[in-house]
Amino acid sequence: MTEAVSTAVDEDDCHRILRAIAIIGIRWTGPILLAGARGARRFKEYRALVPGISDPQLTLRLKQLQERGLIARTVVPSTPVRITYALTPDGEELIAALQPLADWSGRNLRHRNA
């Protein structure tokens, strides 16, 4: 058994974690961010990498993540026009912050339906 960490948590800490959970807790956010972690991708590539997501839901989530500054949309002038989506530095930082959570989940939740 590990010892509890005795770090004081104040109201601002609680509000910050709630704001973060409000972003990462929305369905599809994690898989979309993970799909973008390996470079810029087109819409159809995200759809292929996130099984089960519908086109309208992917469109909505990409737009919301763009508005949050986690994903950047780039229009490449070509024929036909090419649109890519890539993580911003803030999106990359979020992925790095989530990695310990993913590691914990792998160690502690692998055999449970959680």
PDB file of N, CA and C in Angstrom:
ATOM      1  N   MET A   1       0.842  -1.180   0.000  1.00  0.00           N
ATOM      2  CA  MET A   1       0.000   0.000   0.000  1.00  0.00           C
ATOM      3  C   MET A   1       0.886   1.243   0.000  1.00  0.00           C
ATOM      4  N   THR A   2       0.526   2.218  -0.789  1.00  0.00           N
ATOM      5  CA  THR A   2       1.315   3.442  -0.866  1.00  0.00           C
ATOM      6  C   THR A   2       0.785   4.480   0.099  1.00  0.00           C
ATOM      7  N   GLU A   3       1.661   5.383   0.487  1.00  0.00           N
ATOM      8  CA  GLU A   3       1.258   6.458   1.386  1.00  0.00           C
ATOM      9  C   GLU A   3       0.507   7.527   0.607  1.00  0.00           C
ATOM     10  N   ALA A   4      -0.423   8.147   1.268  1.00  0.00           N
ATOM     11  CA  ALA A   4      -1.170   9.236   0.651  1.00  0.00           C
ATOM     12  C   ALA A   4      -0.258  10.446   0.512  1.00  0.00           C
ATOM     13  N   VAL A   5      -0.413  11.141  -0.572  1.00  0.00           N
ATOM     14  CA  VAL A   5       0.342  12.363  -0.795  1.00  0.00           C
ATOM     15  C   VAL A   5      -0.322  13.464   0.011  1.00  0.00           C
ATOM     16  N   SER A   6       0.456  14.165   0.820  1.00  0.00           N
ATOM     17  CA  SER A   6      -0.123  15.196   1.677  1.00  0.00           C
ATOM     18  C   SER A   6       0.088  16.577   1.071  1.00  0.00           C
ATOM     19  N   THR A   7      -0.479  16.783  -0.088  1.00  0.00           N
ATOM     20  CA  THR A   7      -0.414  18.071  -0.750  1.00  0.00           C
ATOM     21  C   THR A   7      -1.741  18.766  -0.538  1.00  0.00           C
ATOM     22  N   ALA A   8      -1.676  19.969  -0.056  1.00  0.00           N
ATOM     23  CA  ALA A   8      -2.908  20.729   0.163  1.00  0.00           C
ATOM     24  C   ALA A   8      -3.555  21.038  -1.186  1.00  0.00           C
ATOM     25  N   VAL A   9      -4.843  20.843  -1.265  1.00  0.00           N
ATOM     26  CA  VAL A   9      -5.596  21.139  -2.471  1.00  0.00           C
ATOM     27  C   VAL A   9      -6.528  22.293  -2.134  1.00  0.00           C
ATOM     28  N   ASP A  10      -6.457  23.324  -2.945  1.00  0.00           N
ATOM     29  CA  ASP A  10      -7.339  24.458  -2.678  1.00  0.00           C
ATOM     30  C   ASP A  10      -8.442  24.531  -3.726  1.00  0.00           C
ATOM     31  N   GLU A  11      -9.308  25.499  -3.564  1.00  0.00           N
ATOM     32  CA  GLU A  11     -10.457  25.639  -4.453  1.00  0.00           C
ATOM     33  C   GLU A  11     -10.033  25.860  -5.907  1.00  0.00           C
ATOM     34  N   ASP A  12      -8.961  26.626  -6.125  1.00  0.00           N
ATOM     35  CA  ASP A  12      -8.484  26.862  -7.486  1.00  0.00           C
ATOM     36  C   ASP A  12      -8.031  25.562  -8.139  1.00  0.00           C
ATOM     37  N   ASP A  13      -7.361  24.688  -7.378  1.00  0.00           N
ATOM     38  CA  ASP A  13      -6.960  23.381  -7.910  1.00  0.00           C
ATOM     39  C   ASP A  13      -8.184  22.590  -8.362  1.00  0.00           C
ATOM     40  N   CYS A  14      -9.210  22.602  -7.546  1.00  0.00           N
ATOM     41  CA  CYS A  14     -10.439  21.873  -7.886  1.00  0.00           C
ATOM     42  C   CYS A  14     -11.063  22.415  -9.171  1.00  0.00           C
ATOM     43  N   HIS A  15     -11.106  23.726  -9.307  1.00  0.00           N
ATOM     44  CA  HIS A  15     -11.684  24.327 -10.519  1.00  0.00           C
ATOM     45  C   HIS A  15     -10.847  24.001 -11.747  1.00  0.00           C
ATOM     46  N   ARG A  16      -9.529  24.014 -11.599  1.00  0.00           N
ATOM     47  CA  ARG A  16      -8.662  23.694 -12.744  1.00  0.00           C
ATOM     48  C   ARG A  16      -8.857  22.251 -13.204  1.00  0.00           C
ATOM     49  N   ILE A  17      -8.929  21.316 -12.260  1.00  0.00           N
ATOM     50  CA  ILE A  17      -9.105  19.914 -12.655  1.00  0.00           C
ATOM     51  C   ILE A  17     -10.482  19.708 -13.273  1.00  0.00           C
ATOM     52  N   LEU A  18     -11.498  20.393 -12.768  1.00  0.00           N
ATOM     53  CA  LEU A  18     -12.833  20.273 -13.357  1.00  0.00           C
ATOM     54  C   LEU A  18     -12.862  20.807 -14.785  1.00  0.00           C
ATOM     55  N   ARG A  19     -12.131  21.901 -15.055  1.00  0.00           N
ATOM     56  CA  ARG A  19     -12.068  22.436 -16.426  1.00  0.00           C
ATOM     57  C   ARG A  19     -11.371  21.441 -17.359  1.00  0.00           C
ATOM     58  N   ALA A  20     -10.316  20.817 -16.870  1.00  0.00           N
ATOM     59  CA  ALA A  20      -9.606  19.832 -17.698  1.00  0.00           C
ATOM     60  C   ALA A  20     -10.494  18.623 -17.980  1.00  0.00           C
ATOM     61  N   ILE A  21     -11.185  18.144 -16.964  1.00  0.00           N
ATOM     62  CA  ILE A  21     -12.061  16.985 -17.144  1.00  0.00           C
ATOM     63  C   ILE A  21     -13.219  17.319 -18.076  1.00  0.00           C
ATOM     64  N   ALA A  22     -13.672  18.555 -18.054  1.00  0.00           N
ATOM     65  CA  ALA A  22     -14.746  18.969 -18.958  1.00  0.00           C
ATOM     66  C   ALA A  22     -14.315  18.830 -20.417  1.00  0.00           C
ATOM     67  N   ILE A  23     -13.029  18.953 -20.680  1.00  0.00           N
ATOM     68  CA  ILE A  23     -12.523  18.790 -22.046  1.00  0.00           C
ATOM     69  C   ILE A  23     -12.257  17.325 -22.351  1.00  0.00           C
ATOM     70  N   ILE A  24     -11.458  16.672 -21.516  1.00  0.00           N
ATOM     71  CA  ILE A  24     -11.044  15.301 -21.829  1.00  0.00           C
ATOM     72  C   ILE A  24     -12.133  14.279 -21.563  1.00  0.00           C
ATOM     73  N   GLY A  25     -13.148  14.668 -20.785  1.00  0.00           N
ATOM     74  CA  GLY A  25     -14.200  13.726 -20.460  1.00  0.00           C
ATOM     75  C   GLY A  25     -15.272  13.583 -21.524  1.00  0.00           C
ATOM     76  N   ILE A  26     -15.232  14.408 -22.538  1.00  0.00           N
ATOM     77  CA  ILE A  26     -16.220  14.315 -23.609  1.00  0.00           C
ATOM     78  C   ILE A  26     -15.847  13.151 -24.527  1.00  0.00           C
ATOM     79  N   ARG A  27     -16.828  12.360 -24.845  1.00  0.00           N
ATOM     80  CA  ARG A  27     -16.595  11.178 -25.679  1.00  0.00           C
ATOM     81  C   ARG A  27     -15.856  11.542 -26.957  1.00  0.00           C
ATOM     82  N   TRP A  28     -14.912  10.712 -27.324  1.00  0.00           N
ATOM     83  CA  TRP A  28     -14.106  10.781 -28.532  1.00  0.00           C
ATOM     84  C   TRP A  28     -12.883  11.702 -28.408  1.00  0.00           C
ATOM     85  N   THR A  29     -12.810  12.546 -27.392  1.00  0.00           N
ATOM     86  CA  THR A  29     -11.672  13.462 -27.292  1.00  0.00           C
ATOM     87  C   THR A  29     -10.353  12.708 -27.240  1.00  0.00           C
ATOM     88  N   GLY A  30     -10.244  11.745 -26.355  1.00  0.00           N
ATOM     89  CA  GLY A  30      -8.995  10.987 -26.218  1.00  0.00           C
ATOM     90  C   GLY A  30      -8.558  10.325 -27.508  1.00  0.00           C
ATOM     91  N   PRO A  31      -9.428   9.527 -28.129  1.00  0.00           N
ATOM     92  CA  PRO A  31      -9.023   8.881 -29.379  1.00  0.00           C
ATOM     93  C   PRO A  31      -8.664   9.862 -30.499  1.00  0.00           C
ATOM     94  N   ILE A  32      -9.371  10.982 -30.576  1.00  0.00           N
ATOM     95  CA  ILE A  32      -9.058  11.970 -31.614  1.00  0.00           C
ATOM     96  C   ILE A  32      -7.686  12.585 -31.358  1.00  0.00           C
ATOM     97  N   LEU A  33      -7.427  12.964 -30.112  1.00  0.00           N
ATOM     98  CA  LEU A  33      -6.120  13.537 -29.789  1.00  0.00           C
ATOM     99  C   LEU A  33      -5.004  12.531 -30.023  1.00  0.00           C
ATOM    100  N   LEU A  34      -5.236  11.281 -29.646  1.00  0.00           N
ATOM    101  CA  LEU A  34      -4.214  10.251 -29.884  1.00  0.00           C
ATOM    102  C   LEU A  34      -3.962  10.053 -31.374  1.00  0.00           C
ATOM    103  N   ALA A  35      -5.026  10.095 -32.171  1.00  0.00           N
ATOM    104  CA  ALA A  35      -4.857   9.956 -33.624  1.00  0.00           C
ATOM    105  C   ALA A  35      -4.022  11.103 -34.179  1.00  0.00           C
ATOM    106  N   GLY A  36      -4.178  12.296 -33.606  1.00  0.00           N
ATOM    107  CA  GLY A  36      -3.416  13.447 -34.065  1.00  0.00           C
ATOM    108  C   GLY A  36      -2.004  13.506 -33.523  1.00  0.00           C
ATOM    109  N   ALA A  37      -1.700  12.671 -32.559  1.00  0.00           N
ATOM    110  CA  ALA A  37      -0.381  12.712 -31.922  1.00  0.00           C
ATOM    111  C   ALA A  37       0.748  12.280 -32.860  1.00  0.00           C
ATOM    112  N   ARG A  38       0.423  11.653 -33.944  1.00  0.00           N
ATOM    113  CA  ARG A  38       1.449  11.180 -34.877  1.00  0.00           C
ATOM    114  C   ARG A  38       1.529  12.033 -36.134  1.00  0.00           C
ATOM    115  N   GLY A  39       1.048  13.261 -36.044  1.00  0.00           N
ATOM    116  CA  GLY A  39       1.174  14.174 -37.174  1.00  0.00           C
ATOM    117  C   GLY A  39      -0.156  14.591 -37.765  1.00  0.00           C
ATOM    118  N   ALA A  40      -0.077  15.528 -38.705  1.00  0.00           N
ATOM    119  CA  ALA A  40      -1.271  16.066 -39.356  1.00  0.00           C
ATOM    120  C   ALA A  40      -1.994  14.961 -40.124  1.00  0.00           C
ATOM    121  N   ARG A  41      -3.303  14.999 -40.040  1.00  0.00           N
ATOM    122  CA  ARG A  41      -4.120  13.986 -40.710  1.00  0.00           C
ATOM    123  C   ARG A  41      -5.326  14.636 -41.367  1.00  0.00           C
ATOM    124  N   ARG A  42      -5.830  13.961 -42.380  1.00  0.00           N
ATOM    125  CA  ARG A  42      -7.051  14.394 -43.042  1.00  0.00           C
ATOM    126  C   ARG A  42      -8.245  13.789 -42.314  1.00  0.00           C
ATOM    127  N   PHE A  43      -9.417  14.357 -42.589  1.00  0.00           N
ATOM    128  CA  PHE A  43     -10.648  13.924 -41.929  1.00  0.00           C
ATOM    129  C   PHE A  43     -10.838  12.418 -42.045  1.00  0.00           C
ATOM    130  N   LYS A  44     -10.687  11.872 -43.246  1.00  0.00           N
ATOM    131  CA  LYS A  44     -10.937  10.436 -43.441  1.00  0.00           C
ATOM    132  C   LYS A  44      -9.942   9.576 -42.669  1.00  0.00           C
ATOM    133  N   GLU A  45      -8.740  10.098 -42.431  1.00  0.00           N
ATOM    134  CA  GLU A  45      -7.772   9.346 -41.635  1.00  0.00           C
ATOM    135  C   GLU A  45      -8.201   9.295 -40.171  1.00  0.00           C
ATOM    136  N   TYR A  46      -8.706  10.424 -39.653  1.00  0.00           N
ATOM    137  CA  TYR A  46      -9.237  10.414 -38.288  1.00  0.00           C
ATOM    138  C   TYR A  46     -10.391   9.424 -38.182  1.00  0.00           C
ATOM    139  N   ARG A  47     -11.281   9.459 -39.147  1.00  0.00           N
ATOM    140  CA  ARG A  47     -12.440   8.551 -39.128  1.00  0.00           C
ATOM    141  C   ARG A  47     -11.979   7.098 -39.097  1.00  0.00           C
ATOM    142  N   ALA A  48     -10.956   6.767 -39.849  1.00  0.00           N
ATOM    143  CA  ALA A  48     -10.456   5.394 -39.876  1.00  0.00           C
ATOM    144  C   ALA A  48      -9.766   5.005 -38.564  1.00  0.00           C
ATOM    145  N   LEU A  49      -9.124   5.969 -37.911  1.00  0.00           N
ATOM    146  CA  LEU A  49      -8.385   5.689 -36.682  1.00  0.00           C
ATOM    147  C   LEU A  49      -9.254   5.717 -35.424  1.00  0.00           C
ATOM    148  N   VAL A  50     -10.467   6.231 -35.536  1.00  0.00           N
ATOM    149  CA  VAL A  50     -11.376   6.314 -34.387  1.00  0.00           C
ATOM    150  C   VAL A  50     -12.620   5.501 -34.725  1.00  0.00           C
ATOM    151  N   PRO A  51     -12.544   4.186 -34.537  1.00  0.00           N
ATOM    152  CA  PRO A  51     -13.667   3.335 -34.915  1.00  0.00           C
ATOM    153  C   PRO A  51     -14.933   3.678 -34.140  1.00  0.00           C
ATOM    154  N   GLY A  52     -16.043   3.705 -34.858  1.00  0.00           N
ATOM    155  CA  GLY A  52     -17.331   3.933 -34.236  1.00  0.00           C
ATOM    156  C   GLY A  52     -17.806   5.371 -34.256  1.00  0.00           C
ATOM    157  N   ILE A  53     -16.935   6.307 -34.586  1.00  0.00           N
ATOM    158  CA  ILE A  53     -17.346   7.707 -34.613  1.00  0.00           C
ATOM    159  C   ILE A  53     -18.034   8.010 -35.949  1.00  0.00           C
ATOM    160  N   SER A  54     -19.121   8.761 -35.892  1.00  0.00           N
ATOM    161  CA  SER A  54     -19.823   9.133 -37.119  1.00  0.00           C
ATOM    162  C   SER A  54     -19.196  10.393 -37.711  1.00  0.00           C
ATOM    163  N   ASP A  55     -19.445  10.638 -38.979  1.00  0.00           N
ATOM    164  CA  ASP A  55     -18.923  11.844 -39.628  1.00  0.00           C
ATOM    165  C   ASP A  55     -19.387  13.123 -38.922  1.00  0.00           C
ATOM    166  N   PRO A  56     -20.705  13.246 -38.605  1.00  0.00           N
ATOM    167  CA  PRO A  56     -21.125  14.475 -37.925  1.00  0.00           C
ATOM    168  C   PRO A  56     -20.477  14.643 -36.550  1.00  0.00           C
ATOM    169  N   GLN A  57     -20.306  13.541 -35.825  1.00  0.00           N
ATOM    170  CA  GLN A  57     -19.688  13.627 -34.502  1.00  0.00           C
ATOM    171  C   GLN A  57     -18.216  14.002 -34.622  1.00  0.00           C
ATOM    172  N   LEU A  58     -17.509  13.446 -35.584  1.00  0.00           N
ATOM    173  CA  LEU A  58     -16.099  13.793 -35.790  1.00  0.00           C
ATOM    174  C   LEU A  58     -15.971  15.257 -36.197  1.00  0.00           C
ATOM    175  N   THR A  59     -16.831  15.710 -37.072  1.00  0.00           N
ATOM    176  CA  THR A  59     -16.826  17.115 -37.480  1.00  0.00           C
ATOM    177  C   THR A  59     -17.004  18.024 -36.269  1.00  0.00           C
ATOM    178  N   LEU A  60     -17.988  17.713 -35.439  1.00  0.00           N
ATOM    179  CA  LEU A  60     -18.264  18.513 -34.244  1.00  0.00           C
ATOM    180  C   LEU A  60     -17.076  18.505 -33.279  1.00  0.00           C
ATOM    181  N   ARG A  61     -16.529  17.333 -33.001  1.00  0.00           N
ATOM    182  CA  ARG A  61     -15.430  17.239 -32.041  1.00  0.00           C
ATOM    183  C   ARG A  61     -14.185  17.954 -32.558  1.00  0.00           C
ATOM    184  N   LEU A  62     -13.863  17.810 -33.853  1.00  0.00           N
ATOM    185  CA  LEU A  62     -12.702  18.520 -34.403  1.00  0.00           C
ATOM    186  C   LEU A  62     -12.888  20.027 -34.256  1.00  0.00           C
ATOM    187  N   LYS A  63     -14.100  20.502 -34.529  1.00  0.00           N
ATOM    188  CA  LYS A  63     -14.379  21.929 -34.395  1.00  0.00           C
ATOM    189  C   LYS A  63     -14.236  22.379 -32.945  1.00  0.00           C
ATOM    190  N   GLN A  64     -14.765  21.602 -32.009  1.00  0.00           N
ATOM    191  CA  GLN A  64     -14.660  21.950 -30.592  1.00  0.00           C
ATOM    192  C   GLN A  64     -13.208  21.947 -30.120  1.00  0.00           C
ATOM    193  N   LEU A  65     -12.438  20.969 -30.559  1.00  0.00           N
ATOM    194  CA  LEU A  65     -11.024  20.907 -30.170  1.00  0.00           C
ATOM    195  C   LEU A  65     -10.236  22.053 -30.793  1.00  0.00           C
ATOM    196  N   GLN A  66     -10.646  22.474 -31.977  1.00  0.00           N
ATOM    197  CA  GLN A  66     -10.058  23.656 -32.616  1.00  0.00           C
ATOM    198  C   GLN A  66     -10.343  24.898 -31.779  1.00  0.00           C
ATOM    199  N   GLU A  67     -11.597  25.043 -31.367  1.00  0.00           N
ATOM    200  CA  GLU A  67     -11.991  26.205 -30.560  1.00  0.00           C
ATOM    201  C   GLU A  67     -11.254  26.248 -29.228  1.00  0.00           C
ATOM    202  N   ARG A  68     -10.915  25.086 -28.690  1.00  0.00           N
ATOM    203  CA  ARG A  68     -10.167  24.996 -27.435  1.00  0.00           C
ATOM    204  C   ARG A  68      -8.666  25.205 -27.639  1.00  0.00           C
ATOM    205  N   GLY A  69      -8.245  25.282 -28.907  1.00  0.00           N
ATOM    206  CA  GLY A  69      -6.829  25.487 -29.188  1.00  0.00           C
ATOM    207  C   GLY A  69      -5.986  24.236 -29.089  1.00  0.00           C
ATOM    208  N   LEU A  70      -6.634  23.061 -29.182  1.00  0.00           N
ATOM    209  CA  LEU A  70      -5.904  21.798 -29.074  1.00  0.00           C
ATOM    210  C   LEU A  70      -5.586  21.189 -30.432  1.00  0.00           C
ATOM    211  N   ILE A  71      -6.352  21.557 -31.433  1.00  0.00           N
ATOM    212  CA  ILE A  71      -6.138  21.076 -32.804  1.00  0.00           C
ATOM    213  C   ILE A  71      -6.183  22.279 -33.743  1.00  0.00           C
ATOM    214  N   ALA A  72      -5.285  22.274 -34.722  1.00  0.00           N
ATOM    215  CA  ALA A  72      -5.259  23.339 -35.735  1.00  0.00           C
ATOM    216  C   ALA A  72      -5.720  22.759 -37.069  1.00  0.00           C
ATOM    217  N   ARG A  73      -6.546  23.509 -37.757  1.00  0.00           N
ATOM    218  CA  ARG A  73      -7.034  23.124 -39.094  1.00  0.00           C
ATOM    219  C   ARG A  73      -6.246  23.929 -40.111  1.00  0.00           C
ATOM    220  N   THR A  74      -5.691  23.230 -41.084  1.00  0.00           N
ATOM    221  CA  THR A  74      -4.894  23.875 -42.120  1.00  0.00           C
ATOM    222  C   THR A  74      -5.472  23.545 -43.482  1.00  0.00           C
ATOM    223  N   VAL A  75      -5.706  24.574 -44.281  1.00  0.00           N
ATOM    224  CA  VAL A  75      -6.183  24.397 -45.652  1.00  0.00           C
ATOM    225  C   VAL A  75      -4.963  24.488 -46.562  1.00  0.00           C
ATOM    226  N   VAL A  76      -4.697  23.404 -47.263  1.00  0.00           N
ATOM    227  CA  VAL A  76      -3.570  23.354 -48.187  1.00  0.00           C
ATOM    228  C   VAL A  76      -4.107  23.661 -49.583  1.00  0.00           C
ATOM    229  N   PRO A  77      -3.683  24.800 -50.160  1.00  0.00           N
ATOM    230  CA  PRO A  77      -4.195  25.149 -51.484  1.00  0.00           C
ATOM    231  C   PRO A  77      -3.644  24.200 -52.551  1.00  0.00           C
ATOM    232  N   SER A  78      -4.510  23.372 -53.021  1.00  0.00           N
ATOM    233  CA  SER A  78      -4.160  22.429 -54.082  1.00  0.00           C
ATOM    234  C   SER A  78      -5.448  22.091 -54.814  1.00  0.00           C
ATOM    235  N   THR A  79      -5.354  21.251 -55.792  1.00  0.00           N
ATOM    236  CA  THR A  79      -6.542  20.820 -56.505  1.00  0.00           C
ATOM    237  C   THR A  79      -6.642  19.313 -56.366  1.00  0.00           C
ATOM    238  N   PRO A  80      -7.629  18.815 -55.658  1.00  0.00           N
ATOM    239  CA  PRO A  80      -8.605  19.541 -54.851  1.00  0.00           C
ATOM    240  C   PRO A  80      -7.958  20.102 -53.574  1.00  0.00           C
ATOM    241  N   VAL A  81      -8.662  21.017 -52.931  1.00  0.00           N
ATOM    242  CA  VAL A  81      -8.173  21.598 -51.686  1.00  0.00           C
ATOM    243  C   VAL A  81      -8.006  20.483 -50.659  1.00  0.00           C
ATOM    244  N   ARG A  82      -6.923  20.550 -49.931  1.00  0.00           N
ATOM    245  CA  ARG A  82      -6.639  19.534 -48.912  1.00  0.00           C
ATOM    246  C   ARG A  82      -6.698  20.199 -47.539  1.00  0.00           C
ATOM    247  N   ILE A  83      -7.440  19.584 -46.626  1.00  0.00           N
ATOM    248  CA  ILE A  83      -7.573  20.107 -45.268  1.00  0.00           C
ATOM    249  C   ILE A  83      -6.987  19.083 -44.308  1.00  0.00           C
ATOM    250  N   THR A  84      -6.090  19.555 -43.450  1.00  0.00           N
ATOM    251  CA  THR A  84      -5.504  18.671 -42.450  1.00  0.00           C
ATOM    252  C   THR A  84      -5.754  19.230 -41.053  1.00  0.00           C
ATOM    253  N   TYR A  85      -5.705  18.335 -40.090  1.00  0.00           N
ATOM    254  CA  TYR A  85      -5.862  18.680 -38.687  1.00  0.00           C
ATOM    255  C   TYR A  85      -4.661  18.130 -37.944  1.00  0.00           C
ATOM    256  N   ALA A  86      -4.071  18.967 -37.093  1.00  0.00           N
ATOM    257  CA  ALA A  86      -2.886  18.546 -36.338  1.00  0.00           C
ATOM    258  C   ALA A  86      -2.971  19.118 -34.933  1.00  0.00           C
ATOM    259  N   LEU A  87      -2.320  18.440 -34.005  1.00  0.00           N
ATOM    260  CA  LEU A  87      -2.280  18.943 -32.640  1.00  0.00           C
ATOM    261  C   LEU A  87      -1.498  20.245 -32.583  1.00  0.00           C
ATOM    262  N   THR A  88      -1.961  21.142 -31.758  1.00  0.00           N
ATOM    263  CA  THR A  88      -1.214  22.359 -31.449  1.00  0.00           C
ATOM    264  C   THR A  88      -0.233  22.016 -30.327  1.00  0.00           C
ATOM    265  N   PRO A  89       0.666  22.925 -29.989  1.00  0.00           N
ATOM    266  CA  PRO A  89       1.527  22.666 -28.831  1.00  0.00           C
ATOM    267  C   PRO A  89       0.722  22.375 -27.554  1.00  0.00           C
ATOM    268  N   ASP A  90      -0.416  23.068 -27.365  1.00  0.00           N
ATOM    269  CA  ASP A  90      -1.261  22.779 -26.198  1.00  0.00           C
ATOM    270  C   ASP A  90      -1.832  21.364 -26.271  1.00  0.00           C
ATOM    271  N   GLY A  91      -2.211  20.920 -27.461  1.00  0.00           N
ATOM    272  CA  GLY A  91      -2.711  19.563 -27.641  1.00  0.00           C
ATOM    273  C   GLY A  91      -1.634  18.534 -27.351  1.00  0.00           C
ATOM    274  N   GLU A  92      -0.418  18.802 -27.803  1.00  0.00           N
ATOM    275  CA  GLU A  92       0.699  17.898 -27.522  1.00  0.00           C
ATOM    276  C   GLU A  92       0.990  17.838 -26.025  1.00  0.00           C
ATOM    277  N   GLU A  93       0.901  18.993 -25.363  1.00  0.00           N
ATOM    278  CA  GLU A  93       1.124  19.036 -23.917  1.00  0.00           C
ATOM    279  C   GLU A  93       0.039  18.239 -23.175  1.00  0.00           C
ATOM    280  N   LEU A  94      -1.201  18.321 -23.667  1.00  0.00           N
ATOM    281  CA  LEU A  94      -2.280  17.554 -23.052  1.00  0.00           C
ATOM    282  C   LEU A  94      -2.034  16.059 -23.206  1.00  0.00           C
ATOM    283  N   ILE A  95      -1.609  15.631 -24.378  1.00  0.00           N
ATOM    284  CA  ILE A  95      -1.296  14.208 -24.587  1.00  0.00           C
ATOM    285  C   ILE A  95      -0.226  13.766 -23.597  1.00  0.00           C
ATOM    286  N   ALA A  96       0.812  14.576 -23.421  1.00  0.00           N
ATOM    287  CA  ALA A  96       1.882  14.241 -22.474  1.00  0.00           C
ATOM    288  C   ALA A  96       1.341  14.157 -21.043  1.00  0.00           C
ATOM    289  N   ALA A  97       0.405  15.037 -20.712  1.00  0.00           N
ATOM    290  CA  ALA A  97      -0.176  15.018 -19.371  1.00  0.00           C
ATOM    291  C   ALA A  97      -1.064  13.790 -19.159  1.00  0.00           C
ATOM    292  N   LEU A  98      -1.681  13.307 -20.219  1.00  0.00           N
ATOM    293  CA  LEU A  98      -2.567  12.149 -20.113  1.00  0.00           C
ATOM    294  C   LEU A  98      -1.816  10.820 -20.094  1.00  0.00           C
ATOM    295  N   GLN A  99      -0.573  10.817 -20.532  1.00  0.00           N
ATOM    296  CA  GLN A  99       0.187   9.569 -20.601  1.00  0.00           C
ATOM    297  C   GLN A  99       0.284   8.860 -19.252  1.00  0.00           C
ATOM    298  N   PRO A 100       0.571   9.563 -18.153  1.00  0.00           N
ATOM    299  CA  PRO A 100       0.585   8.854 -16.858  1.00  0.00           C
ATOM    300  C   PRO A 100      -0.765   8.225 -16.502  1.00  0.00           C
ATOM    301  N   LEU A 101      -1.855   8.872 -16.884  1.00  0.00           N
ATOM    302  CA  LEU A 101      -3.175   8.307 -16.649  1.00  0.00           C
ATOM    303  C   LEU A 101      -3.367   7.032 -17.468  1.00  0.00           C
ATOM    304  N   ALA A 102      -2.925   7.054 -18.713  1.00  0.00           N
ATOM    305  CA  ALA A 102      -3.014   5.863 -19.557  1.00  0.00           C
ATOM    306  C   ALA A 102      -2.156   4.738 -18.980  1.00  0.00           C
ATOM    307  N   ASP A 103      -0.968   5.077 -18.480  1.00  0.00           N
ATOM    308  CA  ASP A 103      -0.094   4.072 -17.861  1.00  0.00           C
ATOM    309  C   ASP A 103      -0.764   3.468 -16.628  1.00  0.00           C
ATOM    310  N   TRP A 104      -1.346   4.325 -15.791  1.00  0.00           N
ATOM    311  CA  TRP A 104      -2.046   3.853 -14.597  1.00  0.00           C
ATOM    312  C   TRP A 104      -3.192   2.919 -14.977  1.00  0.00           C
ATOM    313  N   SER A 105      -3.949   3.313 -15.996  1.00  0.00           N
ATOM    314  CA  SER A 105      -5.063   2.496 -16.453  1.00  0.00           C
ATOM    315  C   SER A 105      -4.586   1.132 -16.921  1.00  0.00           C
ATOM    316  N   GLY A 106      -3.472   1.112 -17.652  1.00  0.00           N
ATOM    317  CA  GLY A 106      -2.921  -0.156 -18.123  1.00  0.00           C
ATOM    318  C   GLY A 106      -2.509  -1.075 -16.984  1.00  0.00           C
ATOM    319  N   ARG A 107      -1.984  -0.495 -15.930  1.00  0.00           N
ATOM    320  CA  ARG A 107      -1.561  -1.297 -14.771  1.00  0.00           C
ATOM    321  C   ARG A 107      -2.736  -1.736 -13.901  1.00  0.00           C
ATOM    322  N   ASN A 108      -3.726  -0.893 -13.765  1.00  0.00           N
ATOM    323  CA  ASN A 108      -4.759  -1.136 -12.766  1.00  0.00           C
ATOM    324  C   ASN A 108      -6.129  -1.525 -13.305  1.00  0.00           C
ATOM    325  N   LEU A 109      -6.399  -1.270 -14.557  1.00  0.00           N
ATOM    326  CA  LEU A 109      -7.734  -1.518 -15.085  1.00  0.00           C
ATOM    327  C   LEU A 109      -7.755  -2.531 -16.219  1.00  0.00           C
ATOM    328  N   ARG A 110      -6.645  -3.151 -16.486  1.00  0.00           N
ATOM    329  CA  ARG A 110      -6.591  -4.027 -17.665  1.00  0.00           C
ATOM    330  C   ARG A 110      -7.535  -5.211 -17.591  1.00  0.00           C
ATOM    331  N   HIS A 111      -7.804  -5.712 -16.398  1.00  0.00           N
ATOM    332  CA  HIS A 111      -8.655  -6.902 -16.269  1.00  0.00           C
ATOM    333  C   HIS A 111     -10.028  -6.597 -15.707  1.00  0.00           C
ATOM    334  N   ARG A 112     -10.324  -5.315 -15.638  1.00  0.00           N
ATOM    335  CA  ARG A 112     -11.629  -4.914 -15.096  1.00  0.00           C
ATOM    336  C   ARG A 112     -12.420  -4.184 -16.169  1.00  0.00           C
ATOM    337  N   ASN A 113     -13.704  -4.252 -16.055  1.00  0.00           N
ATOM    338  CA  ASN A 113     -14.577  -3.490 -16.961  1.00  0.00           C
ATOM    339  C   ASN A 113     -14.848  -2.153 -16.318  1.00  0.00           C
ATOM    340  N   ALA A 114     -13.908  -1.237 -16.449  1.00  0.00           N
ATOM    341  CA  ALA A 114     -14.070   0.073 -15.819  1.00  0.00           C
ATOM    342  C   ALA A 114     -14.204   1.144 -16.863  1.00  0.00           C
TER     343      ALA A 114
END
